Amino acid sequence: MVNIGVLISGSGTNLQSLIDNIEEGNINGEIKIVISNRKEAFGLIRAKNAGIEALYINPLDFPTEKEYNKKIIEEL
């Protein structure tokens, strides 16, 4: 089984497709975390509804894009 981390910025339709395919046994994996750069992204709600850890990381909290990306990598 593969551990999966998903990055989203919107409604999470691709996330939902992953969730559905995992539940149907088409993908041998488990989504461990969903990370968004938008606090209001509906995909975060999709993740929480599926029992998946959902995390918002505000890019404006970091002085550079490199530091922001480093934080995402740490969470993954």
N, C-alpha and C. Protein backbone atom coordinates (compact mmCIF):
# COMPACT_ATOMS: atom_id res chain seq x y z
N MET A 1 0.83 -1.17 0.00
CA MET A 1 0.00 0.00 0.00
C MET A 1 0.88 1.25 0.00
N VAL A 2 0.46 2.24 -0.76
CA VAL A 2 1.20 3.49 -0.90
C VAL A 2 0.53 4.57 -0.06
N ASN A 3 1.34 5.32 0.69
CA ASN A 3 0.83 6.48 1.41
C ASN A 3 0.79 7.66 0.45
N ILE A 4 -0.33 8.39 0.46
CA ILE A 4 -0.54 9.47 -0.50
C ILE A 4 -0.77 10.79 0.24
N GLY A 5 -0.13 11.84 -0.24
CA GLY A 5 -0.39 13.21 0.20
C GLY A 5 -0.93 13.98 -0.99
N VAL A 6 -1.97 14.77 -0.77
CA VAL A 6 -2.62 15.48 -1.86
C VAL A 6 -2.56 16.99 -1.60
N LEU A 7 -2.15 17.74 -2.63
CA LEU A 7 -2.13 19.19 -2.57
C LEU A 7 -3.31 19.72 -3.36
N ILE A 8 -4.08 20.61 -2.75
CA ILE A 8 -5.26 21.16 -3.42
C ILE A 8 -5.29 22.67 -3.28
N SER A 9 -6.13 23.31 -4.10
CA SER A 9 -6.36 24.74 -3.94
C SER A 9 -7.82 25.10 -4.17
N GLY A 10 -8.63 24.11 -4.45
CA GLY A 10 -10.03 24.41 -4.76
C GLY A 10 -11.00 23.38 -4.23
N SER A 11 -11.92 22.98 -5.10
CA SER A 11 -13.04 22.14 -4.66
C SER A 11 -12.64 20.70 -4.35
N GLY A 12 -11.52 20.27 -4.85
CA GLY A 12 -11.06 18.92 -4.54
C GLY A 12 -11.73 17.82 -5.34
N THR A 13 -12.12 18.11 -6.58
CA THR A 13 -12.76 17.08 -7.39
C THR A 13 -11.79 15.94 -7.71
N ASN A 14 -10.53 16.26 -7.95
CA ASN A 14 -9.54 15.20 -8.17
C ASN A 14 -9.30 14.42 -6.89
N LEU A 15 -9.32 15.10 -5.75
CA LEU A 15 -9.21 14.43 -4.46
C LEU A 15 -10.36 13.45 -4.29
N GLN A 16 -11.58 13.88 -4.61
CA GLN A 16 -12.73 13.00 -4.46
C GLN A 16 -12.60 11.77 -5.35
N SER A 17 -12.08 11.97 -6.55
CA SER A 17 -11.85 10.84 -7.44
C SER A 17 -10.86 9.85 -6.83
N LEU A 18 -9.79 10.36 -6.23
CA LEU A 18 -8.83 9.49 -5.54
C LEU A 18 -9.49 8.74 -4.40
N ILE A 19 -10.26 9.46 -3.58
CA ILE A 19 -10.96 8.83 -2.45
C ILE A 19 -11.86 7.71 -2.95
N ASP A 20 -12.65 7.99 -3.98
CA ASP A 20 -13.58 7.00 -4.52
C ASP A 20 -12.84 5.78 -5.07
N ASN A 21 -11.76 6.01 -5.81
CA ASN A 21 -11.01 4.90 -6.40
C ASN A 21 -10.31 4.06 -5.35
N ILE A 22 -9.86 4.68 -4.28
CA ILE A 22 -9.26 3.91 -3.18
C ILE A 22 -10.33 3.05 -2.51
N GLU A 23 -11.50 3.66 -2.24
CA GLU A 23 -12.59 2.91 -1.60
C GLU A 23 -13.06 1.75 -2.46
N GLU A 24 -13.04 1.92 -3.79
CA GLU A 24 -13.47 0.87 -4.71
C GLU A 24 -12.39 -0.19 -4.95
N GLY A 25 -11.20 0.02 -4.41
CA GLY A 25 -10.12 -0.93 -4.57
C GLY A 25 -9.34 -0.79 -5.85
N ASN A 26 -9.56 0.30 -6.57
CA ASN A 26 -8.85 0.52 -7.83
C ASN A 26 -7.44 1.07 -7.62
N ILE A 27 -7.21 1.67 -6.46
CA ILE A 27 -5.90 2.21 -6.11
C ILE A 27 -5.49 1.60 -4.78
N ASN A 28 -4.31 1.00 -4.75
CA ASN A 28 -3.81 0.39 -3.52
C ASN A 28 -3.03 1.43 -2.74
N GLY A 29 -3.77 2.30 -2.06
CA GLY A 29 -3.12 3.36 -1.31
C GLY A 29 -4.04 3.93 -0.26
N GLU A 30 -3.47 4.82 0.54
CA GLU A 30 -4.23 5.51 1.58
C GLU A 30 -3.81 6.97 1.60
N ILE A 31 -4.78 7.86 1.51
CA ILE A 31 -4.49 9.29 1.59
C ILE A 31 -4.26 9.63 3.05
N LYS A 32 -3.07 10.09 3.36
CA LYS A 32 -2.69 10.40 4.74
C LYS A 32 -2.92 11.85 5.10
N ILE A 33 -2.79 12.74 4.12
CA ILE A 33 -2.93 14.17 4.40
C ILE A 33 -3.34 14.91 3.14
N VAL A 34 -4.14 15.95 3.34
CA VAL A 34 -4.51 16.87 2.26
C VAL A 34 -4.08 18.26 2.71
N ILE A 35 -3.36 18.96 1.85
CA ILE A 35 -2.85 20.29 2.18
C ILE A 35 -3.36 21.28 1.14
N SER A 36 -3.83 22.44 1.64
CA SER A 36 -4.31 23.49 0.74
C SER A 36 -3.64 24.81 1.06
N ASN A 37 -3.50 25.63 0.03
CA ASN A 37 -2.99 26.98 0.19
C ASN A 37 -4.15 27.98 0.33
N ARG A 38 -5.38 27.47 0.32
CA ARG A 38 -6.56 28.31 0.48
C ARG A 38 -7.40 27.80 1.64
N LYS A 39 -7.62 28.65 2.61
CA LYS A 39 -8.34 28.28 3.84
C LYS A 39 -9.76 27.80 3.54
N GLU A 40 -10.40 28.39 2.56
CA GLU A 40 -11.80 28.09 2.25
C GLU A 40 -11.96 27.00 1.18
N ALA A 41 -10.91 26.33 0.82
CA ALA A 41 -10.99 25.30 -0.23
C ALA A 41 -11.95 24.19 0.21
N PHE A 42 -12.94 23.91 -0.62
CA PHE A 42 -13.92 22.88 -0.29
C PHE A 42 -13.27 21.50 -0.18
N GLY A 43 -12.16 21.33 -0.84
CA GLY A 43 -11.45 20.06 -0.76
C GLY A 43 -11.03 19.71 0.66
N LEU A 44 -10.80 20.71 1.51
CA LEU A 44 -10.47 20.44 2.92
C LEU A 44 -11.66 19.81 3.63
N ILE A 45 -12.86 20.25 3.29
CA ILE A 45 -14.07 19.65 3.86
C ILE A 45 -14.23 18.23 3.35
N ARG A 46 -14.00 18.02 2.06
CA ARG A 46 -14.06 16.65 1.50
C ARG A 46 -13.13 15.72 2.27
N ALA A 47 -11.92 16.21 2.52
CA ALA A 47 -10.94 15.39 3.24
C ALA A 47 -11.43 15.07 4.64
N LYS A 48 -11.87 16.08 5.38
CA LYS A 48 -12.35 15.86 6.74
C LYS A 48 -13.52 14.90 6.77
N ASN A 49 -14.44 15.03 5.81
CA ASN A 49 -15.59 14.13 5.73
C ASN A 49 -15.18 12.69 5.49
N ALA A 50 -14.03 12.50 4.85
CA ALA A 50 -13.52 11.15 4.56
C ALA A 50 -12.59 10.66 5.67
N GLY A 51 -12.44 11.46 6.73
CA GLY A 51 -11.57 11.05 7.84
C GLY A 51 -10.09 11.23 7.56
N ILE A 52 -9.77 12.12 6.65
CA ILE A 52 -8.38 12.37 6.26
C ILE A 52 -7.92 13.67 6.91
N GLU A 53 -6.69 13.68 7.40
CA GLU A 53 -6.13 14.91 7.97
C GLU A 53 -6.10 16.00 6.90
N ALA A 54 -6.63 17.16 7.24
CA ALA A 54 -6.69 18.28 6.30
C ALA A 54 -5.98 19.48 6.93
N LEU A 55 -5.11 20.09 6.15
CA LEU A 55 -4.27 21.16 6.68
C LEU A 55 -4.23 22.34 5.72
N TYR A 56 -4.44 23.52 6.27
CA TYR A 56 -4.29 24.77 5.51
C TYR A 56 -2.96 25.38 5.89
N ILE A 57 -2.15 25.69 4.89
CA ILE A 57 -0.89 26.38 5.10
C ILE A 57 -0.93 27.67 4.29
N ASN A 58 -0.91 28.79 4.98
CA ASN A 58 -1.00 30.09 4.33
C ASN A 58 0.37 30.49 3.77
N PRO A 59 0.46 30.66 2.46
CA PRO A 59 1.75 31.03 1.87
C PRO A 59 2.24 32.40 2.35
N LEU A 60 1.32 33.25 2.78
CA LEU A 60 1.71 34.59 3.24
C LEU A 60 2.40 34.56 4.60
N ASP A 61 2.36 33.42 5.26
CA ASP A 61 3.04 33.27 6.56
C ASP A 61 4.53 33.02 6.41
N PHE A 62 5.02 32.94 5.18
CA PHE A 62 6.41 32.60 4.93
C PHE A 62 7.08 33.71 4.12
N PRO A 63 8.33 34.03 4.45
CA PRO A 63 9.00 35.14 3.76
C PRO A 63 9.32 34.85 2.29
N THR A 64 9.48 33.58 1.96
CA THR A 64 9.81 33.22 0.57
C THR A 64 9.02 31.99 0.16
N GLU A 65 8.90 31.81 -1.14
CA GLU A 65 8.24 30.61 -1.66
C GLU A 65 9.02 29.36 -1.25
N LYS A 66 10.33 29.48 -1.20
CA LYS A 66 11.17 28.35 -0.80
C LYS A 66 10.83 27.90 0.62
N GLU A 67 10.65 28.83 1.54
CA GLU A 67 10.29 28.49 2.92
C GLU A 67 8.90 27.86 2.99
N TYR A 68 7.99 28.38 2.19
CA TYR A 68 6.63 27.82 2.12
C TYR A 68 6.69 26.38 1.62
N ASN A 69 7.42 26.16 0.54
CA ASN A 69 7.55 24.81 0.00
C ASN A 69 8.22 23.87 0.99
N LYS A 70 9.18 24.37 1.73
CA LYS A 70 9.85 23.57 2.75
C LYS A 70 8.85 23.09 3.80
N LYS A 71 7.94 23.98 4.21
CA LYS A 71 6.92 23.61 5.19
C LYS A 71 6.00 22.53 4.64
N ILE A 72 5.61 22.65 3.40
CA ILE A 72 4.76 21.63 2.78
C ILE A 72 5.48 20.28 2.78
N ILE A 73 6.73 20.28 2.40
CA ILE A 73 7.51 19.04 2.38
C ILE A 73 7.61 18.44 3.77
N GLU A 74 7.80 19.27 4.78
CA GLU A 74 7.85 18.77 6.16
C GLU A 74 6.54 18.08 6.55
N GLU A 75 5.42 18.64 6.15
CA GLU A 75 4.12 18.05 6.49
C GLU A 75 3.88 16.75 5.74
N LEU A 76 4.39 16.69 4.52
CA LEU A 76 4.21 15.46 3.74
C LEU A 76 5.08 14.35 4.31
